[in-house]
Amino acid sequence: MKFFLLLLLPFIFSSATLLANDQSDDWMDEHMPSLEPQKHKSLLKQSHKGISETIGSFSNSIDIFFADPRMDVESNGSRLKLNLLSNFTNKEPAVFTNSVNFRLDLPRTKKKWNFILVSFSKSLTENNDEALDAESPDESVRNQDYFAGLRYFTKKSRNFNVSTDAGVKLVWPPDPFAQLRLRESLFVANWEFRFTQALFWFQSRGIGANIGVDLDRPLNYKRLFRFANNAGWLKDEETTNFNHSFNILETLSSQDGIAYSTGVTSLANPTPILQAYFVTVRYRRKLYANALFAEVQPVGTWPRNRNFAFRPGIILRLELVMGPNYLGGKDDVF
C-alpha cells in the first residue's frame, strides 16, 4: 500500500501601520501633504472593513440556517449531524438516502485540530451530505461508505480559511485519502466574491479537484441573492462536472426559511455538454432549538437523457444536529 503525506506550509501574513504626527505648522503643510490623504485612506479602510464584516456575517448566518455544506468545514464546535432524505420522482421508484457528519474539536489545540467522520461522497465535493442512492433506508445504510481522519486549520477567519484533511476510507483494505482546501472572500461594494478550491487524493481513485465561485449580495436584512458556480474534476475519469445556479435565500422568521434556485448542469468530456435544467423551491423549518429541522423541496428537472422532458419531484428531509451549541439553542459560531 502506498502512503501519502500532504504537507501544508502555513501562510504568513504581515501588516504595517502608518503613524502621523498631528501638527499644523506651515512647514508640515508644505513638505508633508500626504498626511491628510492618509487620514481619508484610513477612514475608507475602516468603512470597507465594516461593510465586509456585515456582508460576511449575513452570508454566514444564512448558510448556517440552510445548512450549507461549507459550514460543515468552517464552523466551530463539536457536533454530530444526521440527515434522512427521501426523493420522490414522477413514475420512478422512491430513493432513500442518509448521511453522517461528525466533528470533534480536539482538546488543547485551540480548535485547530478536528477529528472527522463523514459519509463518503462520490466526488468529495463540499456537499458530502449526498449519500448513495438506495431502494430502501436499510439498504442505504448497508451501502454507505465513510471516511475518518484528522483536519488541521492553518488559517481560520471570516475572509480566509485553509484546512488540510488526512485519513482513510473505512473499507478493507483501508483506502487512504488527503485533501487541501482553501477559501477566500473578497468584498467589493455590496458584493462578496467567495472563491473555494479543494485538491484531494484517494489511493483508489487518484487525484481530483473542486472549484467554487459564489457571488453574494444582500437584498435586505433577511434576503440574500447568490450566483453559484462549481466545477468538479477527476484525473483518472478525465471528466469535469459543472453546476451554475441563481439563488434567493430568505429567512421568513427565526424558525422558517425558503430558498429559490434555478440553473443548469453540464459535463465536459472533453467538450462541455448541457446535461439538465432545474428549478427548486426549498422550505426549511426549525422544529426544536438548533437541533431538529425539517424540509420540503419541490423539484423540476429537464434532463438530456429524457430529451429534456419535464420531470417533477419532491424531496423530504429530516435533519438532526447534536452538540453543545445546538441543543442549547445557540447559533453556530466562527
C-alpha atoms as a PDB file:
ATOM      1  CA  MET A   1       0.000   0.000   0.000  1.00  0.00           C
ATOM      2  CA  LYS A   2       1.292   3.439  -0.882  1.00  0.00           C
ATOM      3  CA  PHE A   3       1.409   6.041   1.837  1.00  0.00           C
ATOM      4  CA  PHE A   4       0.536   9.631   1.004  1.00  0.00           C
ATOM      5  CA  LEU A   5       1.674  12.614   3.026  1.00  0.00           C
ATOM      6  CA  LEU A   6       0.279  16.052   2.327  1.00  0.00           C
ATOM      7  CA  LEU A   7       2.375  18.916   3.652  1.00  0.00           C
ATOM      8  CA  LEU A   8       0.980  22.375   4.068  1.00  0.00           C
ATOM      9  CA  LEU A   9       3.229  25.312   4.834  1.00  0.00           C
ATOM     10  CA  PRO A  10       1.436  27.907   6.969  1.00  0.00           C
ATOM     11  CA  PHE A  11       0.627  31.191   5.296  1.00  0.00           C
ATOM     12  CA  ILE A  12       2.463  34.151   6.778  1.00  0.00           C
ATOM     13  CA  PHE A  13       0.752  37.462   6.816  1.00  0.00           C
ATOM     14  CA  SER A  14       2.195  40.798   7.797  1.00  0.00           C
ATOM     15  CA  SER A  15       0.752  44.299   8.071  1.00  0.00           C
ATOM     16  CA  ALA A  16       2.156  47.782   8.623  1.00  0.00           C
ATOM     17  CA  THR A  17       0.500  50.767  10.349  1.00  0.00           C
ATOM     18  CA  LEU A  18       1.329  54.315   9.281  1.00  0.00           C
ATOM     19  CA  LEU A  19       1.855  56.830  12.084  1.00  0.00           C
ATOM     20  CA  ALA A  20       1.149  60.512  11.598  1.00  0.00           C
ATOM     21  CA  ASN A  21       2.043  63.386  13.914  1.00  0.00           C
ATOM     22  CA  ASP A  22      -0.902  65.789  14.309  1.00  0.00           C
ATOM     23  CA  GLN A  23       0.776  69.171  13.776  1.00  0.00           C
ATOM     24  CA  SER A  24      -0.440  72.131  11.752  1.00  0.00           C
ATOM     25  CA  ASP A  25       2.593  74.394  11.130  1.00  0.00           C
ATOM     26  CA  ASP A  26       3.316  75.715   7.616  1.00  0.00           C
ATOM     27  CA  TRP A  27       6.407  73.572   7.103  1.00  0.00           C
ATOM     28  CA  MET A  28       4.462  70.358   7.634  1.00  0.00           C
ATOM     29  CA  ASP A  29       1.630  71.520   5.368  1.00  0.00           C
ATOM     30  CA  GLU A  30       4.140  72.266   2.620  1.00  0.00           C
ATOM     31  CA  HIS A  31       6.512  69.323   2.932  1.00  0.00           C
ATOM     32  CA  MET A  32       4.186  66.533   4.100  1.00  0.00           C
ATOM     33  CA  PRO A  33       0.992  66.920   2.027  1.00  0.00           C
ATOM     34  CA  SER A  34       0.308  63.156   2.207  1.00  0.00           C
ATOM     35  CA  LEU A  35      -0.898  63.245   5.812  1.00  0.00           C
ATOM     36  CA  GLU A  36      -4.462  64.350   5.037  1.00  0.00           C
ATOM     37  CA  PRO A  37      -4.968  61.785   2.203  1.00  0.00           C
ATOM     38  CA  GLN A  38      -3.659  59.169   4.605  1.00  0.00           C
ATOM     39  CA  LYS A  39      -6.455  60.040   7.058  1.00  0.00           C
ATOM     40  CA  HIS A  40      -9.016  59.639   4.256  1.00  0.00           C
ATOM     41  CA  LYS A  41      -7.494  56.269   3.361  1.00  0.00           C
ATOM     42  CA  SER A  42      -7.798  55.181   6.982  1.00  0.00           C
ATOM     43  CA  LEU A  43     -11.476  56.171   7.099  1.00  0.00           C
ATOM     44  CA  LEU A  44     -12.095  54.419   3.779  1.00  0.00           C
ATOM     45  CA  LYS A  45     -10.360  51.287   5.067  1.00  0.00           C
ATOM     46  CA  GLN A  46     -12.475  51.281   8.245  1.00  0.00           C
ATOM     47  CA  SER A  47     -15.657  51.785   6.225  1.00  0.00           C
ATOM     48  CA  HIS A  48     -14.748  48.944   3.849  1.00  0.00           C
ATOM     49  CA  LYS A  49     -13.946  46.681   6.807  1.00  0.00           C
ATOM     50  CA  GLY A  50     -17.330  47.418   8.384  1.00  0.00           C
ATOM     51  CA  ILE A  51     -19.225  46.688   5.165  1.00  0.00           C
ATOM     52  CA  SER A  52     -17.215  43.493   4.609  1.00  0.00           C
ATOM     53  CA  GLU A  53     -17.955  42.238   8.113  1.00  0.00           C
ATOM     54  CA  THR A  54     -21.666  42.998   7.717  1.00  0.00           C
ATOM     55  CA  ILE A  55     -21.972  41.181   4.368  1.00  0.00           C
ATOM     56  CA  GLY A  56     -19.823  38.260   5.532  1.00  0.00           C
ATOM     57  CA  SER A  57     -21.792  37.833   8.756  1.00  0.00           C
ATOM     58  CA  PHE A  58     -25.102  37.934   6.894  1.00  0.00           C
ATOM     59  CA  SER A  59     -23.960  35.325   4.331  1.00  0.00           C
ATOM     60  CA  ASN A  60     -22.715  33.071   7.127  1.00  0.00           C
ATOM     61  CA  SER A  61     -25.940  33.373   9.127  1.00  0.00           C
ATOM     62  CA  ILE A  62     -27.996  32.434   6.046  1.00  0.00           C
ATOM     63  CA  ASP A  63     -25.719  29.470   5.304  1.00  0.00           C
ATOM     64  CA  ILE A  64     -25.893  28.291   8.913  1.00  0.00           C
ATOM     65  CA  PHE A  65     -29.699  28.290   8.830  1.00  0.00           C
ATOM     66  CA  PHE A  66     -29.857  26.475   5.486  1.00  0.00           C
ATOM     67  CA  ALA A  67     -27.060  24.061   6.476  1.00  0.00           C
ATOM     68  CA  ASP A  68     -24.774  24.943   3.583  1.00  0.00           C
ATOM     69  CA  PRO A  69     -22.079  22.218   3.251  1.00  0.00           C
ATOM     70  CA  ARG A  70     -19.212  24.710   3.643  1.00  0.00           C
ATOM     71  CA  MET A  71     -20.345  25.310   7.224  1.00  0.00           C
ATOM     72  CA  ASP A  72     -19.565  21.657   7.983  1.00  0.00           C
ATOM     73  CA  VAL A  73     -15.914  22.552   7.404  1.00  0.00           C
ATOM     74  CA  GLU A  74     -15.606  26.137   8.599  1.00  0.00           C
ATOM     75  CA  SER A  75     -17.817  26.498  11.674  1.00  0.00           C
ATOM     76  CA  ASN A  76     -16.620  25.785  15.195  1.00  0.00           C
ATOM     77  CA  GLY A  77     -17.735  23.306  17.814  1.00  0.00           C
ATOM     78  CA  SER A  78     -18.040  19.556  18.200  1.00  0.00           C
ATOM     79  CA  ARG A  79     -21.235  18.147  16.741  1.00  0.00           C
ATOM     80  CA  LEU A  80     -22.935  15.213  15.039  1.00  0.00           C
ATOM     81  CA  LYS A  81     -25.290  15.838  12.093  1.00  0.00           C
ATOM     82  CA  LEU A  82     -27.602  13.148  10.725  1.00  0.00           C
ATOM     83  CA  ASN A  83     -29.675  13.521   7.559  1.00  0.00           C
ATOM     84  CA  LEU A  84     -32.513  11.311   6.350  1.00  0.00           C
ATOM     85  CA  LEU A  85     -33.689  12.143   2.848  1.00  0.00           C
ATOM     86  CA  SER A  86     -36.464  10.772   0.624  1.00  0.00           C
ATOM     87  CA  ASN A  87     -36.630  11.635  -3.073  1.00  0.00           C
ATOM     88  CA  PHE A  88     -39.884  11.014  -4.953  1.00  0.00           C
ATOM     89  CA  THR A  89     -39.898  11.474  -8.730  1.00  0.00           C
ATOM     90  CA  ASN A  90     -42.872  11.072 -11.029  1.00  0.00           C
ATOM     91  CA  LYS A  91     -43.303   7.449 -12.260  1.00  0.00           C
ATOM     92  CA  GLU A  92     -39.966   6.348 -10.755  1.00  0.00           C
ATOM     93  CA  PRO A  93     -39.099   4.353  -7.604  1.00  0.00           C
ATOM     94  CA  ALA A  94     -38.543   6.402  -4.459  1.00  0.00           C
ATOM     95  CA  VAL A  95     -34.919   6.955  -3.459  1.00  0.00           C
ATOM     96  CA  PHE A  96     -33.864   6.981   0.203  1.00  0.00           C
ATOM     97  CA  THR A  97     -30.503   8.371   1.303  1.00  0.00           C
ATOM     98  CA  ASN A  98     -28.807   9.161   4.591  1.00  0.00           C
ATOM     99  CA  SER A  99     -25.645  10.919   5.663  1.00  0.00           C
ATOM    100  CA  VAL A 100     -23.496  11.371   8.756  1.00  0.00           C
ATOM    101  CA  ASN A 101     -21.164  14.276   9.504  1.00  0.00           C
ATOM    102  CA  PHE A 102     -19.276  14.193  12.817  1.00  0.00           C
ATOM    103  CA  ARG A 103     -16.536  16.505  14.008  1.00  0.00           C
ATOM    104  CA  LEU A 104     -14.798  16.703  17.363  1.00  0.00           C
ATOM    105  CA  ASP A 105     -12.635  19.616  18.456  1.00  0.00           C
ATOM    106  CA  LEU A 106      -9.537  18.018  19.953  1.00  0.00           C
ATOM    107  CA  PRO A 107      -8.688  19.426  23.407  1.00  0.00           C
ATOM    108  CA  ARG A 108      -5.788  21.831  23.934  1.00  0.00           C
ATOM    109  CA  THR A 109      -5.359  22.532  20.221  1.00  0.00           C
ATOM    110  CA  LYS A 110      -7.096  25.961  20.144  1.00  0.00           C
ATOM    111  CA  LYS A 111      -9.684  24.477  17.726  1.00  0.00           C
ATOM    112  CA  LYS A 112      -7.009  23.935  15.083  1.00  0.00           C
ATOM    113  CA  TRP A 113      -7.369  20.133  15.099  1.00  0.00           C
ATOM    114  CA  ASN A 114     -10.601  18.183  14.490  1.00  0.00           C
ATOM    115  CA  PHE A 115     -11.360  14.509  14.357  1.00  0.00           C
ATOM    116  CA  ILE A 116     -13.834  13.917  11.496  1.00  0.00           C
ATOM    117  CA  LEU A 117     -16.105  11.054  10.458  1.00  0.00           C
ATOM    118  CA  VAL A 118     -18.091  11.798   7.305  1.00  0.00           C
ATOM    119  CA  SER A 119     -20.279   9.909   4.853  1.00  0.00           C
ATOM    120  CA  PHE A 120     -18.366   9.234   1.670  1.00  0.00           C
ATOM    121  CA  SER A 121     -19.400  11.287  -1.367  1.00  0.00           C
ATOM    122  CA  LYS A 122     -18.542  10.142  -4.891  1.00  0.00           C
ATOM    123  CA  SER A 123     -16.952  13.423  -5.886  1.00  0.00           C
ATOM    124  CA  LEU A 124     -15.689  14.531  -2.452  1.00  0.00           C
ATOM    125  CA  THR A 125     -17.136  17.962  -3.118  1.00  0.00           C
ATOM    126  CA  GLU A 126     -18.265  20.357  -0.427  1.00  0.00           C
ATOM    127  CA  ASN A 127     -21.623  18.579  -0.446  1.00  0.00           C
ATOM    128  CA  ASN A 128     -20.751  15.450   1.490  1.00  0.00           C
ATOM    129  CA  ASP A 129     -24.409  15.138   2.516  1.00  0.00           C
ATOM    130  CA  GLU A 130     -25.129  13.445  -0.802  1.00  0.00           C
ATOM    131  CA  ALA A 131     -25.320   9.738   0.029  1.00  0.00           C
ATOM    132  CA  LEU A 132     -25.550   6.815  -2.381  1.00  0.00           C
ATOM    133  CA  ASP A 133     -28.971   6.094  -3.853  1.00  0.00           C
ATOM    134  CA  ALA A 134     -30.745   3.011  -2.499  1.00  0.00           C
ATOM    135  CA  GLU A 135     -34.096   1.266  -2.753  1.00  0.00           C
ATOM    136  CA  SER A 136     -34.810   1.345   0.989  1.00  0.00           C
ATOM    137  CA  PRO A 137     -33.452   3.006   4.150  1.00  0.00           C
ATOM    138  CA  ASP A 138     -31.943  -0.305   5.316  1.00  0.00           C
ATOM    139  CA  GLU A 139     -30.109  -0.787   2.033  1.00  0.00           C
ATOM    140  CA  SER A 140     -28.945   2.829   2.153  1.00  0.00           C
ATOM    141  CA  VAL A 141     -27.245   2.170   5.499  1.00  0.00           C
ATOM    142  CA  ARG A 142     -25.600  -1.019   4.229  1.00  0.00           C
ATOM    143  CA  ASN A 143     -24.277   0.668   1.083  1.00  0.00           C
ATOM    144  CA  GLN A 144     -22.951   3.723   2.895  1.00  0.00           C
ATOM    145  CA  ASP A 145     -19.200   4.405   2.874  1.00  0.00           C
ATOM    146  CA  TYR A 146     -17.390   6.585   5.392  1.00  0.00           C
ATOM    147  CA  PHE A 147     -14.026   8.200   5.812  1.00  0.00           C
ATOM    148  CA  ALA A 148     -12.359   9.154   9.079  1.00  0.00           C
ATOM    149  CA  GLY A 149      -9.320  11.245   9.803  1.00  0.00           C
ATOM    150  CA  LEU A 150      -7.903  14.498  11.160  1.00  0.00           C
ATOM    151  CA  ARG A 151      -8.498  18.050   9.974  1.00  0.00           C
ATOM    152  CA  TYR A 152      -5.965  20.807  10.643  1.00  0.00           C
ATOM    153  CA  PHE A 153      -6.746  24.512  10.193  1.00  0.00           C
ATOM    154  CA  THR A 154      -3.761  26.554   9.085  1.00  0.00           C
ATOM    155  CA  LYS A 155      -5.841  29.725   8.830  1.00  0.00           C
ATOM    156  CA  LYS A 156      -9.378  30.266  10.068  1.00  0.00           C
ATOM    157  CA  SER A 157     -11.059  33.657   9.731  1.00  0.00           C
ATOM    158  CA  ARG A 158     -14.056  35.303   8.129  1.00  0.00           C
ATOM    159  CA  ASN A 159     -12.131  36.209   4.968  1.00  0.00           C
ATOM    160  CA  PHE A 160      -9.690  33.328   4.678  1.00  0.00           C
ATOM    161  CA  ASN A 161      -9.844  29.635   5.546  1.00  0.00           C
ATOM    162  CA  VAL A 162      -7.218  26.963   4.895  1.00  0.00           C
ATOM    163  CA  SER A 163      -7.538  23.367   6.103  1.00  0.00           C
ATOM    164  CA  THR A 164      -5.892  20.005   5.471  1.00  0.00           C
ATOM    165  CA  ASP A 165      -7.593  16.615   5.861  1.00  0.00           C
ATOM    166  CA  ALA A 166      -5.865  13.246   6.046  1.00  0.00           C
ATOM    167  CA  GLY A 167      -7.244   9.822   6.912  1.00  0.00           C
ATOM    168  CA  VAL A 168      -8.682   6.615   5.478  1.00  0.00           C
ATOM    169  CA  LYS A 169     -11.859   5.442   3.846  1.00  0.00           C
ATOM    170  CA  LEU A 170     -13.315   2.802   6.198  1.00  0.00           C
ATOM    171  CA  VAL A 171     -13.140  -0.212   3.907  1.00  0.00           C
ATOM    172  CA  TRP A 172     -10.853  -3.237   3.753  1.00  0.00           C
ATOM    173  CA  PRO A 173      -8.121  -2.789   2.800  1.00  0.00           C
ATOM    174  CA  PRO A 174      -8.187   0.826   4.057  1.00  0.00           C
ATOM    175  CA  ASP A 175      -8.175   3.477   1.359  1.00  0.00           C
ATOM    176  CA  PRO A 176      -6.001   6.494   2.340  1.00  0.00           C
ATOM    177  CA  PHE A 177      -7.100   9.992   1.378  1.00  0.00           C
ATOM    178  CA  ALA A 178      -5.888  13.572   1.761  1.00  0.00           C
ATOM    179  CA  GLN A 179      -7.368  16.956   0.937  1.00  0.00           C
ATOM    180  CA  LEU A 180      -6.183  20.550   0.892  1.00  0.00           C
ATOM    181  CA  ARG A 181      -8.959  23.169   0.951  1.00  0.00           C
ATOM    182  CA  LEU A 182      -8.711  26.958   0.601  1.00  0.00           C
ATOM    183  CA  ARG A 183     -11.475  29.566   0.779  1.00  0.00           C
ATOM    184  CA  GLU A 184     -11.050  33.317   0.346  1.00  0.00           C
ATOM    185  CA  SER A 185     -13.697  36.045   0.403  1.00  0.00           C
ATOM    186  CA  LEU A 186     -13.276  39.417  -1.291  1.00  0.00           C
ATOM    187  CA  PHE A 187     -15.690  42.314  -0.797  1.00  0.00           C
ATOM    188  CA  VAL A 188     -16.479  44.887  -3.492  1.00  0.00           C
ATOM    189  CA  ALA A 189     -19.219  47.431  -2.818  1.00  0.00           C
ATOM    190  CA  ASN A 190     -22.147  45.318  -1.520  1.00  0.00           C
ATOM    191  CA  TRP A 191     -20.894  42.059  -3.066  1.00  0.00           C
ATOM    192  CA  GLU A 192     -18.980  39.168  -1.576  1.00  0.00           C
ATOM    193  CA  PHE A 193     -16.863  37.146  -4.024  1.00  0.00           C
ATOM    194  CA  ARG A 194     -16.131  33.787  -2.409  1.00  0.00           C
ATOM    195  CA  PHE A 195     -13.523  31.514  -4.008  1.00  0.00           C
ATOM    196  CA  THR A 196     -13.184  27.910  -2.830  1.00  0.00           C
ATOM    197  CA  GLN A 197     -10.613  25.402  -4.069  1.00  0.00           C
ATOM    198  CA  ALA A 198     -10.039  21.835  -2.947  1.00  0.00           C
ATOM    199  CA  LEU A 199      -7.382  19.411  -4.158  1.00  0.00           C
ATOM    200  CA  PHE A 200      -7.923  15.816  -2.998  1.00  0.00           C
ATOM    201  CA  TRP A 201      -6.423  12.354  -3.445  1.00  0.00           C
ATOM    202  CA  PHE A 202      -7.743   8.838  -2.893  1.00  0.00           C
ATOM    203  CA  GLN A 203      -5.495   5.834  -3.385  1.00  0.00           C
ATOM    204  CA  SER A 204      -8.339   4.044  -5.180  1.00  0.00           C
ATOM    205  CA  ARG A 205      -9.456   6.975  -7.335  1.00  0.00           C
ATOM    206  CA  GLY A 206      -6.432   9.190  -7.855  1.00  0.00           C
ATOM    207  CA  ILE A 207      -6.276  12.976  -7.863  1.00  0.00           C
ATOM    208  CA  GLY A 208      -9.251  15.303  -8.176  1.00  0.00           C
ATOM    209  CA  ALA A 209     -10.173  18.919  -7.618  1.00  0.00           C
ATOM    210  CA  ASN A 210     -13.187  21.092  -6.932  1.00  0.00           C
ATOM    211  CA  ILE A 211     -13.504  24.811  -7.571  1.00  0.00           C
ATOM    212  CA  GLY A 212     -16.341  27.077  -6.474  1.00  0.00           C
ATOM    213  CA  VAL A 213     -17.020  30.752  -7.165  1.00  0.00           C
ATOM    214  CA  ASP A 214     -20.010  32.299  -5.368  1.00  0.00           C
ATOM    215  CA  LEU A 215     -21.214  35.887  -5.703  1.00  0.00           C
ATOM    216  CA  ASP A 216     -23.383  37.025  -2.763  1.00  0.00           C
ATOM    217  CA  ARG A 217     -25.358  40.231  -2.354  1.00  0.00           C
ATOM    218  CA  PRO A 218     -27.794  41.032   0.474  1.00  0.00           C
ATOM    219  CA  LEU A 219     -31.094  42.331  -0.908  1.00  0.00           C
ATOM    220  CA  ASN A 220     -32.351  43.402   2.518  1.00  0.00           C
ATOM    221  CA  TYR A 221     -31.883  42.387   6.154  1.00  0.00           C
ATOM    222  CA  LYS A 222     -33.353  38.905   5.594  1.00  0.00           C
ATOM    223  CA  ARG A 223     -32.887  38.088   1.892  1.00  0.00           C
ATOM    224  CA  LEU A 224     -29.699  37.098   0.020  1.00  0.00           C
ATOM    225  CA  PHE A 225     -29.013  36.734  -3.706  1.00  0.00           C
ATOM    226  CA  ARG A 226     -26.363  34.203  -4.734  1.00  0.00           C
ATOM    227  CA  PHE A 227     -24.881  33.315  -8.121  1.00  0.00           C
ATOM    228  CA  ALA A 228     -23.199  29.944  -7.504  1.00  0.00           C
ATOM    229  CA  ASN A 229     -20.690  28.244  -9.816  1.00  0.00           C
ATOM    230  CA  ASN A 230     -18.992  24.899  -9.160  1.00  0.00           C
ATOM    231  CA  ALA A 231     -16.713  22.564 -11.095  1.00  0.00           C
ATOM    232  CA  GLY A 232     -15.519  19.079 -10.117  1.00  0.00           C
ATOM    233  CA  TRP A 233     -12.716  17.170 -11.841  1.00  0.00           C
ATOM    234  CA  LEU A 234     -11.256  13.663 -11.531  1.00  0.00           C
ATOM    235  CA  LYS A 235      -7.977  12.989 -13.348  1.00  0.00           C
ATOM    236  CA  ASP A 236      -8.477   9.247 -13.917  1.00  0.00           C
ATOM    237  CA  GLU A 237     -12.017   9.693 -15.253  1.00  0.00           C
ATOM    238  CA  GLU A 238     -10.967  12.631 -17.488  1.00  0.00           C
ATOM    239  CA  THR A 239     -14.298  14.393 -16.953  1.00  0.00           C
ATOM    240  CA  THR A 240     -15.360  17.704 -15.448  1.00  0.00           C
ATOM    241  CA  ASN A 241     -18.793  18.447 -13.979  1.00  0.00           C
ATOM    242  CA  PHE A 242     -20.204  21.978 -13.895  1.00  0.00           C
ATOM    243  CA  ASN A 243     -23.097  23.464 -11.963  1.00  0.00           C
ATOM    244  CA  HIS A 244     -24.367  27.037 -12.297  1.00  0.00           C
ATOM    245  CA  SER A 245     -27.350  28.428 -10.418  1.00  0.00           C
ATOM    246  CA  PHE A 246     -29.152  31.612  -9.409  1.00  0.00           C
ATOM    247  CA  ASN A 247     -30.462  31.527  -5.841  1.00  0.00           C
ATOM    248  CA  ILE A 248     -32.518  33.670  -3.496  1.00  0.00           C
ATOM    249  CA  LEU A 249     -32.347  32.623   0.161  1.00  0.00           C
ATOM    250  CA  GLU A 250     -34.725  34.211   2.628  1.00  0.00           C
ATOM    251  CA  THR A 251     -35.420  33.853   6.349  1.00  0.00           C
ATOM    252  CA  LEU A 252     -39.164  34.221   6.915  1.00  0.00           C
ATOM    253  CA  SER A 253     -38.785  34.180  10.704  1.00  0.00           C
ATOM    254  CA  SER A 254     -36.435  32.795  13.329  1.00  0.00           C
ATOM    255  CA  GLN A 255     -37.988  29.368  12.659  1.00  0.00           C
ATOM    256  CA  ASP A 256     -38.639  29.344   8.894  1.00  0.00           C
ATOM    257  CA  GLY A 257     -36.723  29.931   5.700  1.00  0.00           C
ATOM    258  CA  ILE A 258     -37.251  29.483   1.974  1.00  0.00           C
ATOM    259  CA  ALA A 259     -34.821  29.277  -0.945  1.00  0.00           C
ATOM    260  CA  TYR A 260     -35.496  29.543  -4.682  1.00  0.00           C
ATOM    261  CA  SER A 261     -32.992  28.116  -7.173  1.00  0.00           C
ATOM    262  CA  THR A 262     -32.725  27.669 -10.913  1.00  0.00           C
ATOM    263  CA  GLY A 263     -29.752  26.639 -13.008  1.00  0.00           C
ATOM    264  CA  VAL A 264     -28.043  24.168 -15.312  1.00  0.00           C
ATOM    265  CA  THR A 265     -25.617  21.257 -15.050  1.00  0.00           C
ATOM    266  CA  SER A 266     -23.147  20.225 -17.731  1.00  0.00           C
ATOM    267  CA  LEU A 267     -20.405  17.675 -18.344  1.00  0.00           C
ATOM    268  CA  ALA A 268     -17.135  18.225 -20.216  1.00  0.00           C
ATOM    269  CA  ASN A 269     -15.586  15.115 -21.798  1.00  0.00           C
ATOM    270  CA  PRO A 270     -13.732  16.961 -23.277  1.00  0.00           C
ATOM    271  CA  THR A 271     -16.295  19.406 -24.759  1.00  0.00           C
ATOM    272  CA  PRO A 272     -18.949  20.814 -22.386  1.00  0.00           C
ATOM    273  CA  ILE A 273     -22.400  19.282 -22.974  1.00  0.00           C
ATOM    274  CA  LEU A 274     -25.555  20.500 -21.260  1.00  0.00           C
ATOM    275  CA  GLN A 275     -26.973  17.765 -19.018  1.00  0.00           C
ATOM    276  CA  ALA A 276     -30.048  19.300 -17.397  1.00  0.00           C
ATOM    277  CA  TYR A 277     -32.011  22.388 -16.441  1.00  0.00           C
ATOM    278  CA  PHE A 278     -33.500  22.539 -12.952  1.00  0.00           C
ATOM    279  CA  VAL A 279     -35.688  24.677 -10.712  1.00  0.00           C
ATOM    280  CA  THR A 280     -36.371  24.101  -6.995  1.00  0.00           C
ATOM    281  CA  VAL A 281     -38.141  25.694  -4.049  1.00  0.00           C
ATOM    282  CA  ARG A 282     -36.795  24.659  -0.636  1.00  0.00           C
ATOM    283  CA  TYR A 283     -38.768  25.314   2.542  1.00  0.00           C
ATOM    284  CA  ARG A 284     -36.893  24.687   5.803  1.00  0.00           C
ATOM    285  CA  ARG A 285     -38.335  24.829   9.323  1.00  0.00           C
ATOM    286  CA  LYS A 286     -36.587  24.686  12.680  1.00  0.00           C
ATOM    287  CA  LEU A 287     -38.574  22.273  14.847  1.00  0.00           C
ATOM    288  CA  TYR A 288     -36.519  22.400  18.048  1.00  0.00           C
ATOM    289  CA  ALA A 289     -33.705  24.747  19.095  1.00  0.00           C
ATOM    290  CA  ASN A 290     -30.904  24.394  16.510  1.00  0.00           C
ATOM    291  CA  ALA A 291     -31.080  20.626  16.768  1.00  0.00           C
ATOM    292  CA  LEU A 292     -34.013  19.419  14.632  1.00  0.00           C
ATOM    293  CA  PHE A 293     -35.022  20.630  11.152  1.00  0.00           C
ATOM    294  CA  ALA A 294     -37.486  19.501   8.501  1.00  0.00           C
ATOM    295  CA  GLU A 295     -37.521  20.379   4.798  1.00  0.00           C
ATOM    296  CA  VAL A 296     -39.889  20.118   1.857  1.00  0.00           C
ATOM    297  CA  GLN A 297     -38.364  20.739  -1.574  1.00  0.00           C
ATOM    298  CA  PRO A 298     -40.390  20.523  -4.812  1.00  0.00           C
ATOM    299  CA  VAL A 299     -38.027  19.956  -7.745  1.00  0.00           C
ATOM    300  CA  GLY A 300     -38.433  20.257 -11.501  1.00  0.00           C
ATOM    301  CA  THR A 301     -35.763  18.986 -13.921  1.00  0.00           C
ATOM    302  CA  TRP A 302     -35.366  18.793 -17.693  1.00  0.00           C
ATOM    303  CA  PRO A 303     -32.610  16.152 -18.225  1.00  0.00           C
ATOM    304  CA  ARG A 304     -30.858  15.409 -21.509  1.00  0.00           C
ATOM    305  CA  ASN A 305     -31.301  11.643 -21.099  1.00  0.00           C
ATOM    306  CA  ARG A 306     -35.081  12.227 -21.190  1.00  0.00           C
ATOM    307  CA  ASN A 307     -34.905  14.534 -24.234  1.00  0.00           C
ATOM    308  CA  PHE A 308     -35.326  17.479 -21.853  1.00  0.00           C
ATOM    309  CA  ALA A 309     -38.846  16.408 -20.918  1.00  0.00           C
ATOM    310  CA  PHE A 310     -40.112  17.844 -17.642  1.00  0.00           C
ATOM    311  CA  ARG A 311     -39.675  15.571 -14.572  1.00  0.00           C
ATOM    312  CA  PRO A 312     -41.422  16.753 -11.406  1.00  0.00           C
ATOM    313  CA  GLY A 313     -40.356  15.503  -7.998  1.00  0.00           C
ATOM    314  CA  ILE A 314     -40.257  16.286  -4.317  1.00  0.00           C
ATOM    315  CA  ILE A 315     -37.545  15.855  -1.677  1.00  0.00           C
ATOM    316  CA  LEU A 316     -38.283  15.418   2.023  1.00  0.00           C
ATOM    317  CA  ARG A 317     -35.504  15.830   4.572  1.00  0.00           C
ATOM    318  CA  LEU A 318     -35.200  15.413   8.321  1.00  0.00           C
ATOM    319  CA  GLU A 319     -32.020  16.718   9.931  1.00  0.00           C
ATOM    320  CA  LEU A 320     -30.833  16.121  13.487  1.00  0.00           C
ATOM    321  CA  VAL A 321     -27.879  18.011  14.938  1.00  0.00           C
ATOM    322  CA  MET A 322     -26.413  17.098  18.330  1.00  0.00           C
ATOM    323  CA  GLY A 323     -23.800  19.120  20.176  1.00  0.00           C
ATOM    324  CA  PRO A 324     -23.394  21.682  22.973  1.00  0.00           C
ATOM    325  CA  ASN A 325     -24.022  24.664  20.668  1.00  0.00           C
ATOM    326  CA  TYR A 326     -27.197  23.146  19.213  1.00  0.00           C
ATOM    327  CA  LEU A 327     -29.333  21.528  21.904  1.00  0.00           C
ATOM    328  CA  GLY A 328     -28.956  24.732  23.899  1.00  0.00           C
ATOM    329  CA  GLY A 329     -30.378  26.724  21.013  1.00  0.00           C
ATOM    330  CA  LYS A 330     -27.219  28.732  20.245  1.00  0.00           C
ATOM    331  CA  ASP A 331     -26.171  29.560  16.704  1.00  0.00           C
ATOM    332  CA  ASP A 332     -23.037  28.005  15.281  1.00  0.00           C
ATOM    333  CA  VAL A 333     -20.044  30.285  15.706  1.00  0.00           C
ATOM    334  CA  PHE A 334     -16.752  31.092  13.988  1.00  0.00           C
END
